[in-house]
Amino acid sequence: QLQLVESGGGSVHSGGSLTLSCVVSGPNSNTYGIGWFRQAPGKEREGVSCLSATDGGTFYDEFVEGRFSVSRDNAKKTVYLRMNSLKPEDTAVYYCAARQFTSAHALCITAGHIEYWGKGTLVTVSS
């Protein structure tokens, strides 16, 4: 059983930056790909940045590519999401999620196959 705990959310002005952290604990945690998803009020949850444990590949949604960066520190069992040039439309609850044996792209686009979810952290970007 994996546990994922997010932190680092908060309120920033447009153009600001935040770094989210996801601590992943449990058996064989390093074998799970980790994705960052977000859900804005009234919208479906969407994958924004994902990192595969299978091949180390990354995937970014078109709306965040070039602004967000996902990375992993296996020694600290932590996955980070660095978010730069934040926009009001980035406002959402951000969740980290885990799934084994998948590409980064598949991890991000098939939320229904996620095995474990964190509880989320709120990011608010004001104009």
N, C-alpha and C. Protein backbone atom coordinates (compact mmCIF):
# COMPACT_ATOMS: atom_id res chain seq x y z
N GLN A 1 0.85 -1.19 0.00
CA GLN A 1 0.00 0.00 0.00
C GLN A 1 0.89 1.24 0.00
N LEU A 2 0.70 2.09 -1.01
CA LEU A 2 1.46 3.33 -1.10
C LEU A 2 0.70 4.46 -0.42
N GLN A 3 1.45 5.40 0.12
CA GLN A 3 0.87 6.64 0.62
C GLN A 3 1.56 7.81 -0.07
N LEU A 4 0.76 8.77 -0.51
CA LEU A 4 1.28 9.95 -1.17
C LEU A 4 0.78 11.18 -0.41
N VAL A 5 1.71 12.06 -0.07
CA VAL A 5 1.36 13.26 0.69
C VAL A 5 1.93 14.48 -0.02
N GLU A 6 1.04 15.35 -0.48
CA GLU A 6 1.45 16.56 -1.17
C GLU A 6 1.62 17.72 -0.19
N SER A 7 2.48 18.64 -0.58
CA SER A 7 2.64 19.89 0.17
C SER A 7 3.17 20.96 -0.78
N GLY A 8 3.15 22.20 -0.32
CA GLY A 8 3.73 23.28 -1.10
C GLY A 8 2.73 24.19 -1.78
N GLY A 9 1.44 23.87 -1.68
CA GLY A 9 0.45 24.73 -2.29
C GLY A 9 0.36 26.07 -1.56
N GLY A 10 -0.34 27.02 -2.18
CA GLY A 10 -0.49 28.33 -1.56
C GLY A 10 -1.06 29.31 -2.54
N SER A 11 -1.00 30.58 -2.17
CA SER A 11 -1.52 31.65 -3.00
C SER A 11 -0.38 32.51 -3.54
N VAL A 12 -0.42 32.75 -4.84
CA VAL A 12 0.60 33.59 -5.48
C VAL A 12 -0.08 34.50 -6.49
N HIS A 13 0.64 35.55 -6.88
CA HIS A 13 0.16 36.42 -7.94
C HIS A 13 0.54 35.85 -9.30
N SER A 14 -0.17 36.28 -10.30
CA SER A 14 0.13 35.87 -11.67
C SER A 14 1.60 36.17 -11.98
N GLY A 15 2.27 35.19 -12.61
CA GLY A 15 3.68 35.33 -12.91
C GLY A 15 4.59 34.76 -11.86
N GLY A 16 4.03 34.39 -10.71
CA GLY A 16 4.83 33.84 -9.62
C GLY A 16 5.15 32.37 -9.81
N SER A 17 5.85 31.82 -8.82
CA SER A 17 6.29 30.43 -8.88
C SER A 17 5.96 29.70 -7.58
N LEU A 18 5.79 28.40 -7.69
CA LEU A 18 5.61 27.52 -6.54
C LEU A 18 6.26 26.19 -6.86
N THR A 19 6.70 25.50 -5.82
CA THR A 19 7.17 24.13 -5.99
C THR A 19 6.35 23.22 -5.09
N LEU A 20 5.68 22.26 -5.70
CA LEU A 20 4.92 21.27 -4.95
C LEU A 20 5.80 20.05 -4.71
N SER A 21 5.57 19.39 -3.58
CA SER A 21 6.29 18.17 -3.24
C SER A 21 5.30 17.05 -2.99
N CYS A 22 5.69 15.85 -3.35
CA CYS A 22 4.88 14.66 -3.09
C CYS A 22 5.80 13.60 -2.49
N VAL A 23 5.59 13.30 -1.21
CA VAL A 23 6.37 12.25 -0.56
C VAL A 23 5.67 10.92 -0.78
N VAL A 24 6.39 9.97 -1.33
CA VAL A 24 5.83 8.67 -1.69
C VAL A 24 6.41 7.62 -0.75
N SER A 25 5.57 6.98 0.03
CA SER A 25 6.06 5.97 0.97
C SER A 25 5.33 4.66 0.77
N GLY A 26 6.02 3.57 1.04
CA GLY A 26 5.43 2.25 0.90
C GLY A 26 6.36 1.32 0.16
N PRO A 27 6.00 0.06 0.07
CA PRO A 27 6.85 -0.94 -0.58
C PRO A 27 7.10 -0.62 -2.05
N ASN A 28 8.36 -0.74 -2.46
CA ASN A 28 8.73 -0.57 -3.87
C ASN A 28 8.27 0.77 -4.44
N SER A 29 8.29 1.80 -3.64
CA SER A 29 7.77 3.10 -4.09
C SER A 29 8.50 3.62 -5.32
N ASN A 30 9.79 3.30 -5.44
CA ASN A 30 10.56 3.79 -6.57
C ASN A 30 10.16 3.15 -7.89
N THR A 31 9.36 2.11 -7.86
CA THR A 31 8.93 1.45 -9.09
C THR A 31 7.64 2.04 -9.65
N TYR A 32 7.10 3.02 -8.96
CA TYR A 32 5.85 3.65 -9.41
C TYR A 32 6.14 4.95 -10.14
N GLY A 33 5.53 5.10 -11.30
CA GLY A 33 5.53 6.39 -11.95
C GLY A 33 4.63 7.33 -11.17
N ILE A 34 5.00 8.61 -11.17
CA ILE A 34 4.24 9.60 -10.43
C ILE A 34 3.73 10.68 -11.36
N GLY A 35 2.47 10.99 -11.23
CA GLY A 35 1.88 12.05 -12.03
C GLY A 35 1.31 13.15 -11.16
N TRP A 36 1.32 14.34 -11.69
CA TRP A 36 0.63 15.47 -11.06
C TRP A 36 -0.63 15.77 -11.85
N PHE A 37 -1.75 15.77 -11.17
CA PHE A 37 -3.04 16.08 -11.74
C PHE A 37 -3.59 17.32 -11.05
N ARG A 38 -4.55 17.95 -11.69
CA ARG A 38 -5.19 19.09 -11.05
C ARG A 38 -6.68 19.08 -11.37
N GLN A 39 -7.43 19.67 -10.46
CA GLN A 39 -8.87 19.77 -10.66
C GLN A 39 -9.33 21.15 -10.22
N ALA A 40 -9.83 21.90 -11.18
CA ALA A 40 -10.37 23.22 -10.90
C ALA A 40 -11.86 23.09 -10.61
N PRO A 41 -12.46 24.05 -9.92
CA PRO A 41 -13.89 23.98 -9.61
C PRO A 41 -14.73 23.80 -10.86
N GLY A 42 -15.60 22.81 -10.85
CA GLY A 42 -16.49 22.58 -11.96
C GLY A 42 -15.87 21.89 -13.16
N LYS A 43 -14.61 21.48 -13.03
CA LYS A 43 -13.93 20.84 -14.15
C LYS A 43 -13.46 19.44 -13.76
N GLU A 44 -13.17 18.64 -14.78
CA GLU A 44 -12.66 17.30 -14.54
C GLU A 44 -11.19 17.35 -14.13
N ARG A 45 -10.78 16.30 -13.43
CA ARG A 45 -9.38 16.18 -13.06
C ARG A 45 -8.56 15.90 -14.33
N GLU A 46 -7.43 16.58 -14.47
CA GLU A 46 -6.60 16.42 -15.65
C GLU A 46 -5.13 16.22 -15.27
N GLY A 47 -4.45 15.41 -16.07
CA GLY A 47 -3.03 15.20 -15.84
C GLY A 47 -2.24 16.34 -16.43
N VAL A 48 -1.31 16.90 -15.67
CA VAL A 48 -0.52 18.02 -16.17
C VAL A 48 0.95 17.68 -16.37
N SER A 49 1.53 16.91 -15.47
CA SER A 49 2.95 16.57 -15.59
C SER A 49 3.17 15.19 -14.99
N CYS A 50 3.82 14.32 -15.75
CA CYS A 50 4.00 12.95 -15.28
C CYS A 50 5.41 12.45 -15.53
N LEU A 51 5.84 11.54 -14.67
CA LEU A 51 7.19 11.00 -14.71
C LEU A 51 7.12 9.49 -14.60
N SER A 52 7.66 8.82 -15.60
CA SER A 52 7.62 7.36 -15.62
C SER A 52 8.77 6.77 -14.80
N ALA A 53 8.50 5.73 -14.03
CA ALA A 53 9.56 5.00 -13.34
C ALA A 53 10.15 3.93 -14.24
N THR A 54 9.44 3.60 -15.31
CA THR A 54 9.88 2.54 -16.22
C THR A 54 11.07 2.99 -17.06
N ASP A 55 10.96 4.21 -17.64
CA ASP A 55 12.03 4.68 -18.52
C ASP A 55 12.51 6.09 -18.19
N GLY A 56 11.97 6.67 -17.13
CA GLY A 56 12.40 8.02 -16.74
C GLY A 56 11.84 9.12 -17.61
N GLY A 57 10.94 8.75 -18.53
CA GLY A 57 10.39 9.75 -19.42
C GLY A 57 9.44 10.70 -18.71
N THR A 58 9.23 11.86 -19.32
CA THR A 58 8.31 12.84 -18.77
C THR A 58 7.27 13.22 -19.81
N PHE A 59 6.14 13.72 -19.32
CA PHE A 59 5.08 14.21 -20.18
C PHE A 59 4.52 15.47 -19.55
N TYR A 60 4.24 16.44 -20.41
CA TYR A 60 3.63 17.69 -19.96
C TYR A 60 2.42 18.01 -20.82
N ASP A 61 1.34 18.39 -20.15
CA ASP A 61 0.18 18.89 -20.88
C ASP A 61 0.57 20.15 -21.63
N GLU A 62 -0.05 20.37 -22.77
CA GLU A 62 0.32 21.51 -23.61
C GLU A 62 0.16 22.84 -22.90
N PHE A 63 -0.76 22.92 -21.93
CA PHE A 63 -1.03 24.19 -21.27
C PHE A 63 0.01 24.53 -20.21
N VAL A 64 0.88 23.57 -19.86
CA VAL A 64 1.91 23.83 -18.85
C VAL A 64 3.32 23.62 -19.39
N GLU A 65 3.44 23.05 -20.57
CA GLU A 65 4.77 22.76 -21.11
C GLU A 65 5.57 24.06 -21.25
N GLY A 66 6.82 23.98 -20.78
CA GLY A 66 7.67 25.17 -20.79
C GLY A 66 7.58 25.98 -19.52
N ARG A 67 6.54 25.75 -18.72
CA ARG A 67 6.38 26.49 -17.45
C ARG A 67 6.55 25.57 -16.24
N PHE A 68 6.12 24.32 -16.36
CA PHE A 68 6.19 23.36 -15.26
C PHE A 68 7.32 22.36 -15.52
N SER A 69 7.90 21.87 -14.44
CA SER A 69 8.96 20.87 -14.54
C SER A 69 8.80 19.84 -13.42
N VAL A 70 8.79 18.55 -13.78
CA VAL A 70 8.65 17.48 -12.79
C VAL A 70 10.00 16.79 -12.61
N SER A 71 10.31 16.46 -11.35
CA SER A 71 11.57 15.78 -11.06
C SER A 71 11.39 14.88 -9.85
N ARG A 72 12.36 14.03 -9.65
CA ARG A 72 12.24 13.03 -8.59
C ARG A 72 13.57 12.86 -7.87
N ASP A 73 13.51 12.76 -6.55
CA ASP A 73 14.66 12.45 -5.72
C ASP A 73 14.37 11.14 -5.01
N ASN A 74 14.90 10.05 -5.55
CA ASN A 74 14.57 8.73 -4.99
C ASN A 74 15.08 8.56 -3.57
N ALA A 75 16.21 9.17 -3.25
CA ALA A 75 16.75 9.06 -1.89
C ALA A 75 15.80 9.69 -0.87
N LYS A 76 15.12 10.76 -1.28
CA LYS A 76 14.16 11.42 -0.39
C LYS A 76 12.74 10.93 -0.61
N LYS A 77 12.57 10.01 -1.57
CA LYS A 77 11.24 9.47 -1.89
C LYS A 77 10.25 10.60 -2.17
N THR A 78 10.72 11.58 -2.91
CA THR A 78 9.92 12.77 -3.15
C THR A 78 9.93 13.12 -4.64
N VAL A 79 8.77 13.49 -5.14
CA VAL A 79 8.60 13.99 -6.50
C VAL A 79 8.19 15.45 -6.40
N TYR A 80 8.81 16.28 -7.24
CA TYR A 80 8.57 17.72 -7.19
C TYR A 80 7.88 18.18 -8.47
N LEU A 81 7.11 19.23 -8.33
CA LEU A 81 6.54 19.92 -9.49
C LEU A 81 6.88 21.39 -9.33
N ARG A 82 7.81 21.84 -10.14
CA ARG A 82 8.18 23.25 -10.15
C ARG A 82 7.27 23.98 -11.14
N MET A 83 6.58 25.00 -10.66
CA MET A 83 5.63 25.73 -11.49
C MET A 83 6.07 27.18 -11.59
N ASN A 84 6.40 27.60 -12.79
CA ASN A 84 6.81 28.98 -13.05
C ASN A 84 5.77 29.70 -13.90
N SER A 85 5.87 31.01 -13.92
CA SER A 85 4.97 31.83 -14.75
C SER A 85 3.51 31.43 -14.56
N LEU A 86 3.11 31.33 -13.33
CA LEU A 86 1.76 30.87 -13.02
C LEU A 86 0.71 31.85 -13.51
N LYS A 87 -0.41 31.28 -13.94
CA LYS A 87 -1.52 32.05 -14.47
C LYS A 87 -2.77 31.78 -13.62
N PRO A 88 -3.73 32.69 -13.62
CA PRO A 88 -4.98 32.44 -12.86
C PRO A 88 -5.63 31.12 -13.25
N GLU A 89 -5.53 30.72 -14.50
CA GLU A 89 -6.14 29.46 -14.93
C GLU A 89 -5.42 28.23 -14.41
N ASP A 90 -4.28 28.40 -13.74
CA ASP A 90 -3.62 27.28 -13.08
C ASP A 90 -4.20 27.01 -11.70
N THR A 91 -5.11 27.86 -11.26
CA THR A 91 -5.75 27.67 -9.96
C THR A 91 -6.51 26.35 -9.92
N ALA A 92 -6.19 25.51 -8.94
CA ALA A 92 -6.80 24.19 -8.83
C ALA A 92 -6.26 23.49 -7.58
N VAL A 93 -6.89 22.38 -7.25
CA VAL A 93 -6.30 21.46 -6.30
C VAL A 93 -5.38 20.52 -7.09
N TYR A 94 -4.16 20.41 -6.64
CA TYR A 94 -3.16 19.58 -7.32
C TYR A 94 -2.97 18.29 -6.53
N TYR A 95 -3.04 17.19 -7.25
CA TYR A 95 -2.90 15.86 -6.66
C TYR A 95 -1.70 15.14 -7.26
N CYS A 96 -0.99 14.38 -6.45
CA CYS A 96 -0.04 13.46 -7.04
C CYS A 96 -0.66 12.06 -7.04
N ALA A 97 -0.21 11.26 -7.98
CA ALA A 97 -0.82 9.96 -8.22
C ALA A 97 0.25 8.97 -8.64
N ALA A 98 0.01 7.70 -8.39
CA ALA A 98 1.02 6.67 -8.67
C ALA A 98 0.44 5.52 -9.47
N ARG A 99 1.26 5.02 -10.37
CA ARG A 99 0.88 3.87 -11.18
C ARG A 99 2.16 3.19 -11.65
N GLN A 100 2.15 1.86 -11.59
CA GLN A 100 3.33 1.10 -12.03
C GLN A 100 3.27 0.77 -13.52
N PHE A 101 4.44 0.50 -14.06
CA PHE A 101 4.58 -0.11 -15.40
C PHE A 101 3.82 0.67 -16.47
N THR A 102 4.10 1.95 -16.55
CA THR A 102 3.43 2.75 -17.55
C THR A 102 4.34 3.86 -18.04
N SER A 103 4.08 4.36 -19.23
CA SER A 103 4.79 5.52 -19.73
C SER A 103 4.26 6.77 -19.07
N ALA A 104 5.03 7.84 -19.16
CA ALA A 104 4.59 9.10 -18.57
C ALA A 104 3.32 9.59 -19.26
N HIS A 105 3.25 9.44 -20.58
CA HIS A 105 2.08 9.89 -21.34
C HIS A 105 0.83 9.13 -20.91
N ALA A 106 0.95 7.80 -20.84
CA ALA A 106 -0.21 6.99 -20.46
C ALA A 106 -0.63 7.31 -19.03
N LEU A 107 0.33 7.55 -18.17
CA LEU A 107 0.02 7.87 -16.78
C LEU A 107 -0.84 9.12 -16.71
N CYS A 108 -0.48 10.13 -17.50
CA CYS A 108 -1.17 11.42 -17.44
C CYS A 108 -2.56 11.40 -18.08
N ILE A 109 -2.75 10.58 -19.10
CA ILE A 109 -4.01 10.67 -19.84
C ILE A 109 -5.03 9.62 -19.42
N THR A 110 -4.66 8.72 -18.54
CA THR A 110 -5.61 7.68 -18.12
C THR A 110 -5.74 7.71 -16.61
N ALA A 111 -6.42 8.74 -16.12
CA ALA A 111 -6.60 8.89 -14.68
C ALA A 111 -7.35 7.70 -14.08
N GLY A 112 -8.18 7.06 -14.89
CA GLY A 112 -8.95 5.93 -14.39
C GLY A 112 -8.11 4.73 -14.02
N HIS A 113 -6.85 4.70 -14.47
CA HIS A 113 -5.98 3.57 -14.17
C HIS A 113 -5.00 3.87 -13.04
N ILE A 114 -5.12 5.03 -12.43
CA ILE A 114 -4.26 5.37 -11.32
C ILE A 114 -4.50 4.42 -10.15
N GLU A 115 -3.43 3.99 -9.51
CA GLU A 115 -3.54 3.03 -8.41
C GLU A 115 -3.65 3.72 -7.05
N TYR A 116 -2.94 4.84 -6.90
CA TYR A 116 -2.95 5.54 -5.61
C TYR A 116 -3.02 7.05 -5.86
N TRP A 117 -3.75 7.73 -4.99
CA TRP A 117 -3.90 9.18 -5.04
C TRP A 117 -3.51 9.80 -3.70
N GLY A 118 -2.94 11.00 -3.78
CA GLY A 118 -2.79 11.81 -2.59
C GLY A 118 -4.08 12.58 -2.34
N LYS A 119 -4.09 13.38 -1.27
CA LYS A 119 -5.31 14.11 -0.91
C LYS A 119 -5.36 15.49 -1.53
N GLY A 120 -4.27 15.95 -2.08
CA GLY A 120 -4.27 17.21 -2.81
C GLY A 120 -3.78 18.40 -2.01
N THR A 121 -3.33 19.41 -2.76
CA THR A 121 -2.90 20.68 -2.17
C THR A 121 -3.41 21.80 -3.07
N LEU A 122 -3.94 22.86 -2.47
CA LEU A 122 -4.59 23.92 -3.23
C LEU A 122 -3.59 24.97 -3.70
N VAL A 123 -3.67 25.29 -4.98
CA VAL A 123 -2.88 26.37 -5.57
C VAL A 123 -3.85 27.44 -6.08
N THR A 124 -3.65 28.66 -5.62
CA THR A 124 -4.49 29.77 -6.04
C THR A 124 -3.62 30.85 -6.65
N VAL A 125 -3.93 31.23 -7.89
CA VAL A 125 -3.16 32.25 -8.59
C VAL A 125 -4.09 33.43 -8.85
N SER A 126 -3.74 34.58 -8.33
CA SER A 126 -4.56 35.77 -8.49
C SER A 126 -3.96 36.67 -9.57
N SER A 127 -4.84 37.39 -10.24
CA SER A 127 -4.38 38.27 -11.32
C SER A 127 -3.95 39.62 -10.80
